[in-house]
């Protein structure tokens, strides 16, 4: 009987080892399954982020084009305004030159007339 006792312990040790190996394999399988689920969730988040990024990039490009068009328009308007102002200054100078030759414009005008002319329209 004493001789059979070590073999019983060895049999229980084998079963215990198999159970431990089974528990380890099941836990590894569950961890792998959880890892795959996490990987799928991360892929979904990545696809969402890429789609959002694409939409943002398209919006940025559209806004850049609009900004360039608005900038061109403002430059053209500023150039046209400068041309109008230069023409107006030339016309004023031409009129002043013409009036310098007229004797009636060389004398001082009455104060109430000049004040009336200086009033805004």
N, C-alpha and C. Protein backbone atom coordinates (compact mmCIF):
# COMPACT_ATOMS: atom_id res chain seq x y z
N UNK A 1 0.79 -1.17 0.00
CA UNK A 1 0.00 0.00 0.00
C UNK A 1 0.85 1.26 0.00
N UNK A 2 1.89 1.18 0.67
CA UNK A 2 2.78 2.31 0.68
C UNK A 2 3.39 2.54 -0.70
N UNK A 3 3.58 1.49 -1.43
CA UNK A 3 4.17 1.63 -2.75
C UNK A 3 3.20 2.26 -3.73
N UNK A 4 1.91 2.05 -3.57
CA UNK A 4 0.91 2.60 -4.49
C UNK A 4 0.66 4.08 -4.22
N UNK A 5 0.95 4.55 -3.05
CA UNK A 5 0.70 5.94 -2.67
C UNK A 5 1.45 6.93 -3.56
N UNK A 6 2.74 6.73 -3.86
CA UNK A 6 3.40 7.71 -4.73
C UNK A 6 2.80 7.74 -6.13
N UNK A 7 2.31 6.61 -6.61
CA UNK A 7 1.70 6.62 -7.95
C UNK A 7 0.37 7.36 -7.96
N UNK A 8 -0.38 7.31 -6.86
CA UNK A 8 -1.64 8.06 -6.76
C UNK A 8 -1.36 9.56 -6.77
N UNK A 9 -0.33 9.92 -6.06
CA UNK A 9 0.02 11.35 -6.04
C UNK A 9 0.44 11.79 -7.43
N UNK A 10 1.17 10.95 -8.11
CA UNK A 10 1.60 11.28 -9.46
C UNK A 10 0.40 11.39 -10.39
N UNK A 11 -0.62 10.53 -10.20
CA UNK A 11 -1.82 10.58 -11.00
C UNK A 11 -2.57 11.89 -10.74
N UNK A 12 -2.69 12.27 -9.47
CA UNK A 12 -3.34 13.54 -9.13
C UNK A 12 -2.53 14.71 -9.64
N UNK A 13 -1.24 14.63 -9.63
CA UNK A 13 -0.38 15.70 -10.13
C UNK A 13 -0.59 15.87 -11.63
N UNK A 14 -0.75 14.74 -12.35
CA UNK A 14 -1.01 14.81 -13.79
C UNK A 14 -2.33 15.52 -14.05
N UNK A 15 -3.36 15.10 -13.31
CA UNK A 15 -4.68 15.73 -13.49
C UNK A 15 -4.63 17.21 -13.12
N UNK A 16 -3.95 17.51 -12.04
CA UNK A 16 -3.81 18.91 -11.62
C UNK A 16 -3.08 19.71 -12.69
N UNK A 17 -2.03 19.15 -13.25
CA UNK A 17 -1.27 19.80 -14.33
C UNK A 17 -2.16 20.01 -15.55
N UNK A 18 -2.96 19.00 -15.91
CA UNK A 18 -3.87 19.14 -17.04
C UNK A 18 -4.91 20.23 -16.78
N UNK A 19 -5.44 20.27 -15.57
CA UNK A 19 -6.44 21.30 -15.22
C UNK A 19 -5.80 22.68 -15.29
N UNK A 20 -4.60 22.84 -14.74
CA UNK A 20 -3.90 24.12 -14.78
C UNK A 20 -3.63 24.52 -16.23
N UNK A 21 -3.18 23.56 -17.05
CA UNK A 21 -2.92 23.85 -18.47
C UNK A 21 -4.22 24.23 -19.16
N UNK A 22 -5.32 23.57 -18.83
CA UNK A 22 -6.63 23.90 -19.42
C UNK A 22 -7.08 25.30 -19.02
N UNK A 23 -6.90 25.63 -17.73
CA UNK A 23 -7.29 26.96 -17.25
C UNK A 23 -6.45 28.02 -17.96
N UNK A 24 -5.17 27.74 -18.10
CA UNK A 24 -4.29 28.70 -18.79
C UNK A 24 -4.73 28.86 -20.24
N UNK A 25 -5.04 27.76 -20.90
CA UNK A 25 -5.45 27.83 -22.31
C UNK A 25 -6.77 28.58 -22.46
N UNK A 26 -7.72 28.31 -21.55
CA UNK A 26 -9.01 29.03 -21.61
C UNK A 26 -8.80 30.51 -21.36
N UNK A 27 -7.98 30.85 -20.37
CA UNK A 27 -7.73 32.27 -20.08
C UNK A 27 -7.02 32.94 -21.26
N UNK A 28 -6.08 32.24 -21.91
CA UNK A 28 -5.40 32.79 -23.09
C UNK A 28 -6.39 32.98 -24.24
N UNK A 29 -7.31 32.00 -24.39
CA UNK A 29 -8.32 32.11 -25.45
C UNK A 29 -9.24 33.31 -25.19
N UNK A 30 -9.64 33.52 -23.93
CA UNK A 30 -10.49 34.66 -23.58
C UNK A 30 -9.73 35.99 -23.80
N UNK A 31 -8.46 36.00 -23.43
CA UNK A 31 -7.66 37.22 -23.65
C UNK A 31 -7.51 37.50 -25.14
N UNK A 32 -7.32 36.47 -25.95
CA UNK A 32 -7.21 36.63 -27.40
C UNK A 32 -8.52 37.16 -27.98
N UNK A 33 -9.64 36.62 -27.48
CA UNK A 33 -10.95 37.07 -27.95
C UNK A 33 -11.16 38.54 -27.57
N UNK A 34 -10.80 38.92 -26.36
CA UNK A 34 -10.94 40.31 -25.92
C UNK A 34 -10.02 41.21 -26.74
N UNK A 35 -8.83 40.73 -27.04
CA UNK A 35 -7.88 41.50 -27.84
C UNK A 35 -8.43 41.73 -29.25
N UNK A 36 -9.03 40.70 -29.82
CA UNK A 36 -9.62 40.85 -31.17
C UNK A 36 -10.78 41.85 -31.14
N UNK A 37 -11.60 41.78 -30.10
CA UNK A 37 -12.72 42.73 -29.98
C UNK A 37 -12.19 44.15 -29.85
N UNK A 38 -11.15 44.32 -29.06
CA UNK A 38 -10.55 45.64 -28.89
C UNK A 38 -9.94 46.12 -30.21
N UNK A 39 -9.31 45.21 -30.93
CA UNK A 39 -8.72 45.56 -32.22
C UNK A 39 -9.80 46.00 -33.21
N UNK A 40 -10.94 45.31 -33.22
CA UNK A 40 -12.04 45.69 -34.11
C UNK A 40 -12.59 47.07 -33.73
N UNK A 41 -12.70 47.32 -32.43
CA UNK A 41 -13.18 48.63 -31.97
C UNK A 41 -12.21 49.74 -32.38
N UNK A 42 -10.92 49.44 -32.24
CA UNK A 42 -9.91 50.44 -32.63
C UNK A 42 -9.93 50.67 -34.14
N UNK A 43 -10.16 49.62 -34.92
CA UNK A 43 -10.26 49.78 -36.38
C UNK A 43 -11.45 50.68 -36.73
N UNK A 44 -12.57 50.46 -36.04
CA UNK A 44 -13.76 51.28 -36.30
C UNK A 44 -13.48 52.74 -35.96
N UNK A 45 -12.80 52.97 -34.84
CA UNK A 45 -12.44 54.34 -34.47
C UNK A 45 -11.49 54.96 -35.49
N UNK A 46 -10.54 54.15 -35.97
CA UNK A 46 -9.60 54.63 -36.98
C UNK A 46 -10.33 55.02 -38.26
N UNK A 47 -11.26 54.18 -38.70
CA UNK A 47 -12.01 54.49 -39.92
C UNK A 47 -12.84 55.75 -39.74
N UNK A 48 -13.44 55.92 -38.57
CA UNK A 48 -14.21 57.14 -38.28
C UNK A 48 -13.30 58.36 -38.30
N UNK A 49 -12.13 58.23 -37.67
CA UNK A 49 -11.19 59.35 -37.64
C UNK A 49 -10.70 59.68 -39.05
N UNK A 50 -10.43 58.67 -39.86
CA UNK A 50 -9.99 58.92 -41.24
C UNK A 50 -11.09 59.60 -42.06
N UNK A 51 -12.34 59.18 -41.86
CA UNK A 51 -13.45 59.82 -42.58
C UNK A 51 -13.60 61.28 -42.14
N UNK A 52 -13.50 61.52 -40.85
CA UNK A 52 -13.57 62.88 -40.34
C UNK A 52 -12.43 63.72 -40.87
N UNK A 53 -11.26 63.13 -40.91
CA UNK A 53 -10.09 63.82 -41.43
C UNK A 53 -10.28 64.18 -42.89
N UNK A 54 -10.84 63.28 -43.67
CA UNK A 54 -11.08 63.54 -45.09
C UNK A 54 -12.07 64.69 -45.27
N UNK A 55 -13.14 64.67 -44.48
CA UNK A 55 -14.13 65.76 -44.55
C UNK A 55 -13.48 67.08 -44.18
N UNK A 56 -12.67 67.07 -43.13
CA UNK A 56 -11.99 68.29 -42.70
C UNK A 56 -11.04 68.79 -43.78
N UNK A 57 -10.32 67.89 -44.40
CA UNK A 57 -9.39 68.27 -45.46
C UNK A 57 -10.13 68.90 -46.64
N UNK A 58 -11.27 68.32 -47.01
CA UNK A 58 -12.08 68.87 -48.09
C UNK A 58 -12.59 70.27 -47.73
N UNK A 59 -13.01 70.43 -46.49
CA UNK A 59 -13.49 71.74 -46.03
C UNK A 59 -12.37 72.76 -46.05
N UNK A 60 -11.19 72.37 -45.62
CA UNK A 60 -10.04 73.28 -45.62
C UNK A 60 -9.70 73.71 -47.04
N UNK A 61 -9.71 72.76 -47.97
CA UNK A 61 -9.41 73.10 -49.36
C UNK A 61 -10.44 74.07 -49.94
N UNK A 62 -11.72 73.82 -49.62
CA UNK A 62 -12.78 74.72 -50.12
C UNK A 62 -12.63 76.11 -49.53
N UNK A 63 -12.34 76.18 -48.24
CA UNK A 63 -12.17 77.49 -47.60
C UNK A 63 -10.93 78.21 -48.12
N UNK A 64 -9.89 77.46 -48.43
CA UNK A 64 -8.69 78.07 -49.00
C UNK A 64 -8.98 78.68 -50.36
N UNK A 65 -9.73 77.96 -51.18
CA UNK A 65 -10.10 78.48 -52.50
C UNK A 65 -10.97 79.73 -52.36
N UNK A 66 -11.92 79.70 -51.43
CA UNK A 66 -12.77 80.87 -51.22
C UNK A 66 -11.95 82.05 -50.74
N UNK A 67 -11.00 81.79 -49.86
CA UNK A 67 -10.14 82.86 -49.34
C UNK A 67 -9.30 83.47 -50.46
N UNK A 68 -8.76 82.63 -51.32
CA UNK A 68 -7.97 83.14 -52.45
C UNK A 68 -8.82 83.97 -53.39
N UNK A 69 -10.06 83.52 -53.64
CA UNK A 69 -10.96 84.28 -54.52
C UNK A 69 -11.32 85.63 -53.89
N UNK A 70 -11.61 85.62 -52.60
CA UNK A 70 -11.94 86.86 -51.90
C UNK A 70 -10.73 87.80 -51.89
N UNK A 71 -9.55 87.24 -51.71
CA UNK A 71 -8.34 88.06 -51.71
C UNK A 71 -8.12 88.70 -53.07
N UNK A 72 -8.32 87.92 -54.14
CA UNK A 72 -8.18 88.47 -55.49
C UNK A 72 -9.18 89.61 -55.71
N UNK A 73 -10.42 89.39 -55.27
CA UNK A 73 -11.46 90.40 -55.43
C UNK A 73 -11.10 91.67 -54.67
N UNK A 74 -10.60 91.53 -53.45
CA UNK A 74 -10.21 92.70 -52.66
C UNK A 74 -9.05 93.45 -53.31
N UNK A 75 -8.11 92.72 -53.87
CA UNK A 75 -6.97 93.37 -54.54
C UNK A 75 -7.47 94.14 -55.76
N UNK A 76 -8.37 93.52 -56.53
CA UNK A 76 -8.92 94.20 -57.70
C UNK A 76 -9.69 95.45 -57.30
N UNK A 77 -10.48 95.36 -56.24
CA UNK A 77 -11.24 96.52 -55.78
C UNK A 77 -10.30 97.63 -55.30
N UNK A 78 -9.25 97.27 -54.57
CA UNK A 78 -8.30 98.26 -54.10
C UNK A 78 -7.60 98.93 -55.28
N UNK A 79 -7.24 98.15 -56.29
CA UNK A 79 -6.59 98.73 -57.47
C UNK A 79 -7.54 99.68 -58.19
N UNK A 80 -8.80 99.27 -58.35
CA UNK A 80 -9.79 100.13 -59.01
C UNK A 80 -10.02 101.41 -58.20
N UNK A 81 -10.07 101.27 -56.88
CA UNK A 81 -10.26 102.45 -56.01
C UNK A 81 -9.07 103.39 -56.14
N UNK A 82 -7.86 102.84 -56.18
CA UNK A 82 -6.66 103.69 -56.35
C UNK A 82 -6.68 104.40 -57.70
N UNK A 83 -7.11 103.70 -58.74
CA UNK A 83 -7.19 104.33 -60.06
C UNK A 83 -8.22 105.45 -60.06
N UNK A 84 -9.40 105.21 -59.43
CA UNK A 84 -10.42 106.26 -59.34
C UNK A 84 -9.91 107.46 -58.56
N UNK A 85 -9.22 107.18 -57.46
CA UNK A 85 -8.70 108.27 -56.63
C UNK A 85 -7.65 109.08 -57.39
N UNK A 86 -6.80 108.39 -58.14
CA UNK A 86 -5.79 109.11 -58.93
C UNK A 86 -6.46 109.97 -60.00
N UNK A 87 -7.48 109.45 -60.65
CA UNK A 87 -8.21 110.22 -61.67
C UNK A 87 -8.89 111.42 -61.04
N UNK A 88 -9.51 111.21 -59.87
CA UNK A 88 -10.17 112.31 -59.17
C UNK A 88 -9.16 113.40 -58.80
N UNK A 89 -8.00 113.01 -58.30
CA UNK A 89 -6.97 113.99 -57.95
C UNK A 89 -6.49 114.75 -59.18
N UNK A 90 -6.35 114.04 -60.30
CA UNK A 90 -5.96 114.70 -61.55
C UNK A 90 -7.02 115.70 -62.00
N UNK A 91 -8.29 115.30 -61.90
CA UNK A 91 -9.39 116.20 -62.29
C UNK A 91 -9.42 117.44 -61.39
N UNK A 92 -9.24 117.23 -60.08
CA UNK A 92 -9.23 118.37 -59.15
C UNK A 92 -8.08 119.31 -59.48
N UNK A 93 -6.92 118.75 -59.75
CA UNK A 93 -5.76 119.59 -60.08
C UNK A 93 -6.00 120.35 -61.38
N UNK A 94 -6.61 119.69 -62.36
CA UNK A 94 -6.91 120.35 -63.64
C UNK A 94 -7.89 121.50 -63.43
N UNK A 95 -8.92 121.28 -62.61
CA UNK A 95 -9.88 122.34 -62.33
C UNK A 95 -9.23 123.50 -61.58
N UNK A 96 -8.36 123.19 -60.64
CA UNK A 96 -7.65 124.26 -59.92
C UNK A 96 -6.78 125.07 -60.87
N UNK A 97 -6.11 124.37 -61.78
CA UNK A 97 -5.28 125.08 -62.76
C UNK A 97 -6.14 126.00 -63.63
N UNK A 98 -7.29 125.55 -64.04
CA UNK A 98 -8.19 126.38 -64.85
C UNK A 98 -8.70 127.58 -64.06
N UNK A 99 -9.03 127.34 -62.78
CA UNK A 99 -9.57 128.42 -61.97
C UNK A 99 -8.51 129.44 -61.60
N UNK A 100 -7.26 129.07 -61.57
CA UNK A 100 -6.20 130.02 -61.25
C UNK A 100 -6.11 131.13 -62.29
N UNK A 101 -6.51 130.82 -63.49
CA UNK A 101 -6.45 131.82 -64.57
C UNK A 101 -7.65 132.76 -64.57
N UNK A 102 -8.71 132.39 -63.90
CA UNK A 102 -9.92 133.22 -63.87
C UNK A 102 -9.81 134.27 -62.77
N UNK A 103 -9.98 135.55 -63.13
CA UNK A 103 -9.82 136.62 -62.12
C UNK A 103 -10.93 136.62 -61.06
N UNK A 104 -12.11 136.15 -61.42
CA UNK A 104 -13.19 136.20 -60.43
C UNK A 104 -12.97 135.20 -59.30
N UNK A 105 -12.17 134.20 -59.55
CA UNK A 105 -11.90 133.20 -58.50
C UNK A 105 -10.67 133.54 -57.67
N UNK A 106 -9.99 134.60 -58.02
CA UNK A 106 -8.80 135.00 -57.28
C UNK A 106 -9.17 135.79 -56.04
N UNK A 107 -10.32 136.47 -56.05
CA UNK A 107 -10.72 137.25 -54.88
C UNK A 107 -11.38 136.33 -53.85
N UNK A 108 -11.37 136.75 -52.61
CA UNK A 108 -11.93 135.94 -51.53
C UNK A 108 -13.44 135.89 -51.61
N UNK A 109 -13.97 134.75 -51.30
CA UNK A 109 -15.42 134.59 -51.29
C UNK A 109 -15.92 134.97 -49.90
N UNK A 110 -17.18 135.33 -49.82
CA UNK A 110 -17.71 135.66 -48.49
C UNK A 110 -17.66 134.44 -47.56
N UNK A 111 -17.51 134.72 -46.29
CA UNK A 111 -17.35 133.67 -45.29
C UNK A 111 -18.56 132.72 -45.27
N UNK A 112 -19.77 133.22 -45.33
CA UNK A 112 -20.94 132.35 -45.28
C UNK A 112 -20.99 131.41 -46.49
N UNK A 113 -20.49 131.85 -47.64
CA UNK A 113 -20.45 130.99 -48.82
C UNK A 113 -19.45 129.86 -48.62
N UNK A 114 -18.26 130.19 -48.13
CA UNK A 114 -17.25 129.14 -47.93
C UNK A 114 -17.69 128.16 -46.85
N UNK A 115 -18.36 128.65 -45.80
CA UNK A 115 -18.84 127.74 -44.76
C UNK A 115 -19.92 126.81 -45.32
N UNK A 116 -20.78 127.35 -46.15
CA UNK A 116 -21.83 126.55 -46.77
C UNK A 116 -21.23 125.48 -47.69
N UNK A 117 -20.18 125.84 -48.43
CA UNK A 117 -19.52 124.89 -49.32
C UNK A 117 -18.80 123.78 -48.54
N UNK A 118 -18.38 124.08 -47.34
CA UNK A 118 -17.64 123.08 -46.54
C UNK A 118 -18.58 122.11 -45.81
N UNK A 119 -19.85 122.41 -45.78
CA UNK A 119 -20.79 121.52 -45.10
C UNK A 119 -20.90 120.20 -45.85
N UNK A 120 -21.12 119.09 -45.12
CA UNK A 120 -21.29 117.81 -45.80
C UNK A 120 -22.60 117.77 -46.58
N UNK A 121 -22.63 116.97 -47.57
CA UNK A 121 -23.83 116.86 -48.41
C UNK A 121 -24.86 116.02 -47.76
